[in-house]
Amino acid sequence: MGRNPKAVGTYFMKHFNLLGRCIYRVFFRPGDAPIRWTRSRILAMTVWLPICLVLGVMHWICLLLDEILFPGYRRVEVREPLFIVGPPRSGTTFLHRVLSKDTERFAYFSFGEMVFTPSIVQRKIAGGIWWLDRLLGSPLRRGMQRVEKHWFEPYSHMHRVSLFEAEEDFVMLGYIAANHLLLVVFPFPDLFGTLWSFDRDVPKSDQQRIMRFYKRCLQRHLYYHGPGKIHLSKNPFFTPMIQSVRDEFPDAKFLCNIRDPYENVPSFLSIWKELYGGIGNAPDHYLARDFILEWVRDAYLYGGRKMKEFGPGTGQVVPYGPLVSQPRETVLDLYRSLGYEVSSAYLKILDDEAAQAREYRSRHNYGILEYGLTEADLYERFREVFDYYGFPPPDSASRGEAEAIPTGLDD
């Protein structure tokens, strides 16, 4: 993020300038986008947005303090980070959380760290609070778990979220207005649409600026949690950014999850429908379906081709079926490919995860017809994906066999 505190100010100004433009367009030029002033939209713009802006200012002050109080974090090397990418709803969350339990090897961001303590200063303060909380029998932690259950449980059918568990660290890019999901709140493709085709359409200077900020986030994280660990990242939205990530971290390794489009596409469309439409955007706008279909198709192809280009040991495709039906064997194969040793403690964890995966059933229901698509339509749109990965077409005799793969662990 630069070599002195001035760089923090530059990022801060760019971030809030862009958000200011977005807020102006929402309130004063709503005709530029498919915005509807529903109850959810009003709540988002009058309650949650001000809260986020206040938190953002506080976080930037603490990031500036990091530059003054802990400048040594910039010397931390981010060695061989591991990135899990691929289309959303292809088992990336499942793989991420299984790997994150190898705590001797990996460091990762929890959701709470990203939302409340992105800086070293804040983590030092939080560390003292958690120490005191444990001393008193953890009343604060238990209280937060009750609150998060109340807030997050209604959305757990889509994606289980906890302040204390591993989460997608592209959340950190929200602090520089480079988070892909800003397109939900501010549906302006000219401002945020290029993030979804990052390597192709974002100017090189902006790519470097965004990745430099992200690297500083990882350096802060490892500075606090242990510089000897490998950073573990799971970000489906990093799939169009694979080359930019590799340019910033030349020794990075990648796992690209894939799943049969007949299961993956309607699953993600249902999530997007709840996110995009739920906040008050027109459900028939092209961003609501066609934009997502095109992006998912590109994610399949770009991710797979990059894994082939990088080669074994650096880039590897992870099929969904074997991952959820045989997680222990799949992870052990990945460890061999990546050159990792497996500890006896982690082997026990893998056994437990395999047992839980066999018992899990999703509460997330979806079907392809409700999105105005037939199996034939989807096949035509994704024919290149079917051919590239060898997925069975709709009229194939092996279609039923593919559908028999366990589908409970959607994300």
Protein backbone atom coordinates (compact mmCIF):
# COMPACT_ATOMS: atom_id res chain seq x y z
CA MET A 1 0.00 0.00 0.00
CA GLY A 2 2.93 2.28 -0.43
CA ARG A 3 6.06 3.01 1.55
CA ASN A 4 4.76 5.74 3.87
CA PRO A 5 1.57 6.95 5.56
CA LYS A 6 0.76 9.22 2.60
CA ALA A 7 -0.26 6.15 0.62
CA VAL A 8 -2.98 5.42 3.18
CA GLY A 9 -4.43 8.86 2.55
CA THR A 10 -4.38 8.28 -1.20
CA TYR A 11 -6.32 5.02 -0.89
CA PHE A 12 -8.74 6.65 1.56
CA MET A 13 -9.50 9.54 -0.79
CA LYS A 14 -9.98 7.31 -3.86
CA HIS A 15 -12.27 5.03 -1.88
CA PHE A 16 -14.55 7.71 -0.48
CA ASN A 17 -14.57 9.67 -3.72
CA LEU A 18 -15.94 6.62 -5.55
CA LEU A 19 -18.51 5.91 -2.84
CA GLY A 20 -19.58 9.56 -2.95
CA ARG A 21 -20.22 9.28 -6.69
CA CYS A 22 -22.25 6.12 -6.10
CA ILE A 23 -24.40 7.69 -3.39
CA TYR A 24 -25.03 10.75 -5.57
CA ARG A 25 -26.19 8.59 -8.46
CA VAL A 26 -28.49 6.51 -6.26
CA PHE A 27 -30.27 9.55 -4.80
CA PHE A 28 -30.12 12.04 -7.65
CA ARG A 29 -29.81 9.96 -10.83
CA PRO A 30 -31.74 6.75 -10.08
CA GLY A 31 -32.77 6.49 -13.72
CA ASP A 32 -29.19 5.43 -14.53
CA ALA A 33 -29.78 2.04 -12.89
CA PRO A 34 -32.56 -0.47 -12.11
CA ILE A 35 -33.02 0.91 -8.59
CA ARG A 36 -36.37 0.58 -6.82
CA TRP A 37 -36.99 2.27 -3.49
CA THR A 38 -38.18 -0.76 -1.62
CA ARG A 39 -38.10 -1.12 2.16
CA SER A 40 -34.80 -3.01 1.88
CA ARG A 41 -33.26 -0.30 -0.31
CA ILE A 42 -34.32 2.45 2.09
CA LEU A 43 -32.93 0.50 5.05
CA ALA A 44 -29.64 -0.14 3.24
CA MET A 45 -29.13 3.48 2.24
CA THR A 46 -30.30 5.20 5.44
CA VAL A 47 -29.11 2.79 8.14
CA TRP A 48 -26.50 0.29 6.97
CA LEU A 49 -24.62 2.59 4.62
CA PRO A 50 -23.99 5.29 7.28
CA ILE A 51 -22.87 2.61 9.73
CA CYS A 52 -20.46 1.19 7.15
CA LEU A 53 -19.10 4.65 6.34
CA VAL A 54 -18.41 5.40 10.01
CA LEU A 55 -16.74 2.01 10.47
CA GLY A 56 -14.75 2.63 7.31
CA VAL A 57 -13.37 5.94 8.60
CA MET A 58 -12.41 4.30 11.90
CA HIS A 59 -10.67 1.45 10.06
CA TRP A 60 -8.70 3.84 7.86
CA ILE A 61 -7.51 5.78 10.90
CA CYS A 62 -6.26 2.50 12.38
CA LEU A 63 -4.63 1.47 9.10
CA LEU A 64 -2.77 4.77 9.18
CA LEU A 65 -1.68 4.05 12.75
CA ASP A 66 -0.29 0.71 11.56
CA GLU A 67 2.07 2.60 9.26
CA ILE A 68 3.32 4.59 12.23
CA LEU A 69 3.30 2.01 15.04
CA PHE A 70 3.98 -1.26 13.19
CA PRO A 71 5.90 -0.39 10.00
CA GLY A 72 7.70 -3.74 10.23
CA TYR A 73 4.62 -5.51 8.88
CA ARG A 74 5.64 -4.41 5.38
CA ARG A 75 8.72 -6.63 5.60
CA VAL A 76 6.63 -9.79 6.14
CA GLU A 77 6.94 -12.15 3.17
CA VAL A 78 3.77 -13.75 1.87
CA ARG A 79 5.20 -17.14 0.88
CA GLU A 80 3.36 -19.54 -1.44
CA PRO A 81 -0.18 -18.41 -0.58
CA LEU A 82 -2.91 -20.87 -1.57
CA PHE A 83 -5.96 -19.51 -3.43
CA ILE A 84 -9.20 -21.44 -3.85
CA VAL A 85 -11.09 -20.08 -6.87
CA GLY A 86 -13.74 -21.26 -9.31
CA PRO A 87 -17.41 -20.49 -9.98
CA PRO A 88 -19.46 -19.78 -6.84
CA ARG A 89 -21.48 -22.71 -5.44
CA SER A 90 -18.88 -25.26 -6.53
CA GLY A 91 -17.77 -26.40 -3.07
CA THR A 92 -15.21 -23.64 -2.50
CA THR A 93 -16.50 -22.84 1.00
CA PHE A 94 -16.47 -26.50 1.97
CA LEU A 95 -12.89 -26.96 0.76
CA HIS A 96 -11.80 -23.71 2.40
CA ARG A 97 -13.19 -24.63 5.79
CA VAL A 98 -11.77 -28.15 5.67
CA LEU A 99 -8.29 -26.83 4.82
CA SER A 100 -8.54 -23.98 7.35
CA LYS A 101 -8.68 -26.57 10.15
CA ASP A 102 -5.03 -27.38 9.43
CA THR A 103 -4.11 -24.53 11.73
CA GLU A 104 -0.46 -25.58 12.03
CA ARG A 105 -0.01 -24.78 8.34
CA PHE A 106 -2.52 -22.11 7.34
CA ALA A 107 -3.52 -18.60 8.36
CA TYR A 108 -6.83 -17.23 7.12
CA PHE A 109 -9.17 -14.32 7.68
CA SER A 110 -12.22 -14.81 9.85
CA PHE A 111 -15.28 -12.77 8.95
CA GLY A 112 -15.12 -10.87 12.24
CA GLU A 113 -11.50 -9.85 11.66
CA MET A 114 -12.33 -8.39 8.26
CA VAL A 115 -15.41 -6.50 9.42
CA PHE A 116 -14.23 -5.20 12.80
CA THR A 117 -10.41 -5.45 13.04
CA PRO A 118 -8.68 -5.13 9.66
CA SER A 119 -5.69 -3.31 11.18
CA ILE A 120 -2.93 -4.56 13.47
CA VAL A 121 -3.82 -1.85 16.00
CA GLN A 122 -7.41 -3.09 16.22
CA ARG A 123 -6.31 -6.72 16.50
CA LYS A 124 -3.97 -5.90 19.35
CA ILE A 125 -6.83 -4.22 21.19
CA ALA A 126 -9.23 -7.06 20.35
CA GLY A 127 -6.63 -9.60 21.50
CA GLY A 128 -6.60 -7.99 24.94
CA ILE A 129 -10.39 -7.96 25.08
CA TRP A 130 -10.60 -11.65 24.11
CA TRP A 131 -7.95 -12.53 26.71
CA LEU A 132 -10.03 -10.85 29.41
CA ASP A 133 -13.21 -12.45 28.08
CA ARG A 134 -11.68 -15.95 28.36
CA LEU A 135 -10.56 -15.12 31.88
CA LEU A 136 -14.18 -14.35 32.78
CA GLY A 137 -15.59 -17.48 31.14
CA SER A 138 -16.19 -16.10 27.60
CA PRO A 139 -19.47 -14.20 28.18
CA LEU A 140 -18.70 -11.79 25.31
CA ARG A 141 -18.01 -14.56 22.82
CA ARG A 142 -21.17 -16.44 23.79
CA GLY A 143 -23.18 -13.24 23.49
CA MET A 144 -21.80 -12.51 20.03
CA GLN A 145 -22.57 -16.06 18.93
CA ARG A 146 -26.18 -15.61 20.01
CA VAL A 147 -26.41 -12.31 18.14
CA GLU A 148 -24.84 -13.69 14.98
CA LYS A 149 -27.21 -16.66 15.06
CA HIS A 150 -30.12 -14.23 15.13
CA TRP A 151 -28.75 -12.13 12.26
CA PHE A 152 -27.18 -14.79 10.05
CA GLU A 153 -29.42 -17.83 10.54
CA PRO A 154 -32.09 -16.65 8.02
CA TYR A 155 -29.38 -16.67 5.31
CA SER A 156 -27.63 -19.90 6.30
CA HIS A 157 -29.46 -21.83 3.56
CA MET A 158 -27.45 -19.76 1.08
CA HIS A 159 -24.10 -19.45 2.83
CA ARG A 160 -23.27 -20.16 6.46
CA VAL A 161 -21.56 -17.14 8.02
CA SER A 162 -19.89 -16.79 11.40
CA LEU A 163 -17.77 -13.98 12.79
CA PHE A 164 -15.37 -16.64 14.10
CA GLU A 165 -14.95 -18.81 10.99
CA ALA A 166 -12.89 -18.57 7.81
CA GLU A 167 -14.45 -16.37 5.16
CA GLU A 168 -13.71 -14.93 1.72
CA ASP A 169 -11.05 -12.28 2.10
CA PHE A 170 -12.17 -10.29 -0.94
CA VAL A 171 -14.27 -8.58 1.76
CA MET A 172 -11.09 -6.59 2.50
CA LEU A 173 -11.29 -5.03 -0.96
CA GLY A 174 -14.45 -3.26 0.14
CA TYR A 175 -12.19 -0.80 1.98
CA ILE A 176 -10.94 0.48 -1.38
CA ALA A 177 -14.33 0.12 -3.16
CA ALA A 178 -13.05 -2.82 -5.19
CA ASN A 179 -15.42 -5.48 -3.87
CA HIS A 180 -17.42 -7.21 -6.62
CA LEU A 181 -20.62 -7.28 -4.54
CA LEU A 182 -20.80 -3.49 -4.49
CA LEU A 183 -22.61 -4.05 -7.79
CA VAL A 184 -25.56 -5.29 -5.72
CA VAL A 185 -25.89 -2.09 -3.70
CA PHE A 186 -24.79 0.21 -6.51
CA PRO A 187 -25.86 -1.43 -9.81
CA PHE A 188 -23.61 0.69 -12.01
CA PRO A 189 -21.71 -1.56 -14.45
CA ASP A 190 -19.49 1.32 -15.55
CA LEU A 191 -18.14 1.61 -11.99
CA PHE A 192 -18.07 -1.99 -10.74
CA GLY A 193 -18.80 -4.23 -13.73
CA THR A 194 -15.17 -4.41 -14.83
CA LEU A 195 -14.22 -6.04 -11.51
CA TRP A 196 -16.05 -9.11 -12.75
CA SER A 197 -13.68 -9.32 -15.73
CA PHE A 198 -10.71 -7.99 -13.79
CA ASP A 199 -7.70 -9.30 -15.73
CA ARG A 200 -9.26 -8.34 -19.04
CA ASP A 201 -10.95 -4.98 -18.39
CA VAL A 202 -9.49 -3.26 -15.33
CA PRO A 203 -6.61 -0.93 -16.33
CA LYS A 204 -3.20 -2.30 -15.39
CA SER A 205 -2.45 0.57 -13.03
CA ASP A 206 -5.68 -0.12 -11.12
CA GLN A 207 -4.94 -3.84 -11.04
CA GLN A 208 -1.59 -3.14 -9.44
CA ARG A 209 -3.07 -0.63 -6.98
CA ILE A 210 -5.77 -3.07 -5.85
CA MET A 211 -3.42 -6.03 -5.56
CA ARG A 212 -0.87 -3.93 -3.66
CA PHE A 213 -3.53 -3.05 -1.09
CA TYR A 214 -4.56 -6.71 -0.85
CA LYS A 215 -0.94 -7.75 -0.30
CA ARG A 216 -0.62 -5.25 2.55
CA CYS A 217 -3.73 -6.81 4.11
CA LEU A 218 -2.09 -10.24 3.98
CA GLN A 219 1.15 -8.88 5.42
CA ARG A 220 -0.74 -7.34 8.32
CA HIS A 221 -2.56 -10.61 8.89
CA LEU A 222 0.59 -12.73 8.90
CA TYR A 223 2.43 -10.17 11.03
CA TYR A 224 -0.20 -10.69 13.71
CA HIS A 225 -0.90 -14.44 13.32
CA GLY A 226 2.57 -15.70 12.42
CA PRO A 227 4.81 -14.91 9.44
CA GLY A 228 5.76 -18.58 9.05
CA LYS A 229 2.27 -19.66 8.02
CA ILE A 230 0.77 -20.02 4.55
CA HIS A 231 -2.08 -17.68 3.78
CA LEU A 232 -5.20 -19.59 2.74
CA SER A 233 -7.67 -17.65 0.61
CA LYS A 234 -11.02 -18.72 -0.80
CA ASN A 235 -12.50 -16.28 -3.30
CA PRO A 236 -14.72 -17.30 -6.23
CA PHE A 237 -14.67 -13.63 -7.22
CA PHE A 238 -10.89 -13.87 -7.60
CA THR A 239 -11.41 -16.22 -10.55
CA PRO A 240 -11.33 -13.37 -13.11
CA MET A 241 -8.29 -12.00 -11.20
CA ILE A 242 -6.11 -15.13 -11.30
CA GLN A 243 -3.36 -13.61 -13.43
CA SER A 244 -3.26 -10.40 -11.40
CA VAL A 245 -2.99 -12.45 -8.20
CA ARG A 246 -0.17 -14.49 -9.74
CA ASP A 247 1.64 -11.32 -10.83
CA GLU A 248 1.54 -10.03 -7.24
CA PHE A 249 2.40 -13.42 -5.69
CA PRO A 250 4.60 -15.28 -8.23
CA ASP A 251 4.91 -18.36 -5.99
CA ALA A 252 1.17 -18.61 -5.32
CA LYS A 253 -0.71 -21.90 -5.75
CA PHE A 254 -4.28 -22.27 -6.97
CA LEU A 255 -7.13 -24.76 -6.61
CA CYS A 256 -10.03 -24.22 -9.01
CA ASN A 257 -13.29 -25.90 -8.01
CA ILE A 258 -15.73 -26.93 -10.71
CA ARG A 259 -19.23 -28.39 -10.61
CA ASP A 260 -21.74 -29.61 -13.18
CA PRO A 261 -23.39 -26.46 -14.63
CA TYR A 262 -26.84 -27.99 -14.19
CA GLU A 263 -26.25 -27.87 -10.44
CA ASN A 264 -23.98 -24.84 -10.20
CA VAL A 265 -25.79 -22.30 -12.36
CA PRO A 266 -29.29 -22.44 -10.83
CA SER A 267 -27.73 -22.52 -7.36
CA PHE A 268 -25.83 -19.28 -7.94
CA LEU A 269 -28.73 -17.65 -9.78
CA SER A 270 -30.93 -18.29 -6.76
CA ILE A 271 -28.35 -16.64 -4.48
CA TRP A 272 -27.98 -13.70 -6.82
CA LYS A 273 -31.76 -13.32 -7.07
CA GLU A 274 -32.01 -12.96 -3.29
CA LEU A 275 -29.06 -10.55 -3.09
CA TYR A 276 -29.71 -8.43 -6.15
CA GLY A 277 -33.49 -8.37 -6.10
CA GLY A 278 -33.77 -8.43 -2.33
CA ILE A 279 -32.10 -5.06 -1.90
CA GLY A 280 -34.43 -3.39 -4.37
CA ASN A 281 -33.11 -3.84 -7.90
CA ALA A 282 -35.37 -4.60 -10.85
CA PRO A 283 -35.58 -8.42 -11.24
CA ASP A 284 -35.79 -8.24 -15.04
CA HIS A 285 -32.66 -6.10 -15.54
CA TYR A 286 -29.81 -7.79 -17.44
CA LEU A 287 -27.63 -7.69 -14.33
CA ALA A 288 -30.18 -9.95 -12.64
CA ARG A 289 -29.56 -12.90 -14.96
CA ASP A 290 -27.74 -12.50 -18.27
CA PHE A 291 -24.75 -10.71 -16.74
CA ILE A 292 -24.37 -13.51 -14.16
CA LEU A 293 -24.75 -16.29 -16.71
CA GLU A 294 -22.01 -14.80 -18.84
CA TRP A 295 -19.75 -14.27 -15.83
CA VAL A 296 -20.18 -17.84 -14.54
CA ARG A 297 -19.44 -19.20 -18.00
CA ASP A 298 -16.24 -17.13 -18.19
CA ALA A 299 -15.25 -18.21 -14.67
CA TYR A 300 -15.42 -21.87 -15.68
CA LEU A 301 -13.30 -21.37 -18.78
CA TYR A 302 -10.81 -18.81 -17.48
CA GLY A 303 -10.22 -20.75 -14.27
CA GLY A 304 -9.71 -24.08 -16.00
CA ARG A 305 -7.43 -22.67 -18.68
CA LYS A 306 -5.28 -20.88 -16.12
CA MET A 307 -4.90 -24.09 -14.10
CA LYS A 308 -3.75 -25.88 -17.25
CA GLU A 309 -1.34 -23.05 -18.04
CA PHE A 310 0.17 -23.06 -14.55
CA GLY A 311 0.56 -26.84 -14.47
CA PRO A 312 0.52 -29.46 -11.67
CA GLY A 313 1.73 -28.30 -8.28
CA THR A 314 0.77 -24.70 -9.04
CA GLY A 315 -2.71 -24.91 -10.51
CA GLN A 316 -5.18 -27.76 -10.14
CA VAL A 317 -8.86 -28.31 -10.93
CA VAL A 318 -10.92 -29.78 -8.05
CA PRO A 319 -14.14 -31.52 -9.21
CA TYR A 320 -17.11 -31.08 -6.90
CA GLY A 321 -18.31 -34.68 -6.90
CA PRO A 322 -15.23 -36.37 -5.43
CA LEU A 323 -14.69 -33.43 -3.05
CA VAL A 324 -18.05 -33.82 -1.28
CA SER A 325 -18.35 -37.60 -1.55
CA GLN A 326 -14.74 -38.38 -0.59
CA PRO A 327 -13.33 -35.27 1.14
CA ARG A 328 -10.60 -37.13 3.01
CA GLU A 329 -9.16 -38.78 -0.08
CA THR A 330 -9.53 -35.61 -2.15
CA VAL A 331 -7.70 -33.43 0.38
CA LEU A 332 -4.91 -35.99 0.78
CA ASP A 333 -4.47 -36.05 -3.01
CA LEU A 334 -4.32 -32.25 -3.04
CA TYR A 335 -1.71 -32.26 -0.28
CA ARG A 336 0.46 -34.66 -2.26
CA SER A 337 0.12 -32.48 -5.36
CA LEU A 338 0.95 -29.30 -3.42
CA GLY A 339 3.89 -30.92 -1.60
CA TYR A 340 2.37 -30.64 1.88
CA GLU A 341 2.95 -33.08 4.72
CA VAL A 342 -0.13 -34.26 6.64
CA SER A 343 0.01 -34.27 10.44
CA SER A 344 -1.68 -36.99 12.49
CA ALA A 345 -3.87 -34.33 14.14
CA TYR A 346 -5.13 -33.12 10.76
CA LEU A 347 -5.80 -36.69 9.60
CA LYS A 348 -8.20 -37.05 12.53
CA ILE A 349 -9.91 -33.81 11.50
CA LEU A 350 -10.31 -35.13 7.94
CA ASP A 351 -11.98 -38.26 9.28
CA ASP A 352 -14.45 -36.11 11.22
CA GLU A 353 -15.14 -33.89 8.21
CA ALA A 354 -15.85 -36.91 6.03
CA ALA A 355 -18.42 -38.18 8.54
CA GLN A 356 -20.12 -34.77 8.74
CA ALA A 357 -20.23 -34.41 4.97
CA ARG A 358 -22.10 -37.72 4.66
CA GLU A 359 -24.75 -36.45 7.08
CA TYR A 360 -25.20 -32.93 5.70
CA ARG A 361 -28.24 -31.97 3.60
CA SER A 362 -28.76 -28.53 2.14
CA ARG A 363 -31.85 -26.41 2.88
CA HIS A 364 -31.16 -24.37 -0.23
CA ASN A 365 -33.76 -25.25 -2.87
CA TYR A 366 -33.57 -24.12 -6.46
CA GLY A 367 -34.55 -25.17 -9.96
CA ILE A 368 -33.47 -24.05 -13.39
CA LEU A 369 -36.94 -23.37 -14.84
CA GLU A 370 -37.71 -20.52 -12.44
CA TYR A 371 -34.94 -18.48 -14.09
CA GLY A 372 -36.45 -18.75 -17.55
CA LEU A 373 -34.01 -21.45 -18.66
CA THR A 374 -34.53 -24.95 -19.93
CA GLU A 375 -31.87 -27.65 -19.87
CA ALA A 376 -31.41 -27.11 -23.59
CA ASP A 377 -30.97 -23.34 -23.11
CA LEU A 378 -28.33 -23.87 -20.44
CA TYR A 379 -26.52 -26.42 -22.53
CA GLU A 380 -26.37 -24.06 -25.50
CA ARG A 381 -25.07 -21.19 -23.36
CA PHE A 382 -22.51 -23.41 -21.65
CA ARG A 383 -21.67 -25.81 -24.48
CA GLU A 384 -18.00 -24.78 -24.41
CA VAL A 385 -17.90 -25.47 -20.66
CA PHE A 386 -19.49 -28.90 -21.10
CA ASP A 387 -16.99 -29.75 -23.84
CA TYR A 388 -13.97 -28.40 -21.94
CA TYR A 389 -14.61 -30.34 -18.73
CA GLY A 390 -16.43 -33.33 -20.18
CA PHE A 391 -19.69 -32.79 -18.29
CA PRO A 392 -22.48 -35.02 -19.69
CA PRO A 393 -25.01 -33.19 -21.93
CA PRO A 394 -28.73 -33.25 -21.03
CA ASP A 395 -29.61 -36.22 -23.21
CA SER A 396 -26.61 -38.32 -22.14
CA ALA A 397 -27.12 -41.73 -20.52
CA SER A 398 -24.54 -40.71 -17.88
CA ARG A 399 -26.63 -37.67 -16.88
CA GLY A 400 -28.40 -39.61 -14.12
CA GLU A 401 -25.08 -40.86 -12.77
CA ALA A 402 -23.79 -37.29 -12.55
CA GLU A 403 -26.94 -36.20 -10.72
CA ALA A 404 -26.43 -38.96 -8.16
CA ILE A 405 -23.39 -37.15 -6.76
CA PRO A 406 -24.20 -35.70 -3.31
CA THR A 407 -25.34 -32.08 -3.72
CA GLY A 408 -25.77 -30.98 -0.12
CA LEU A 409 -22.61 -28.91 0.24
CA ASP A 410 -23.51 -26.18 -2.22
CA ASP A 411 -20.96 -23.54 -1.38
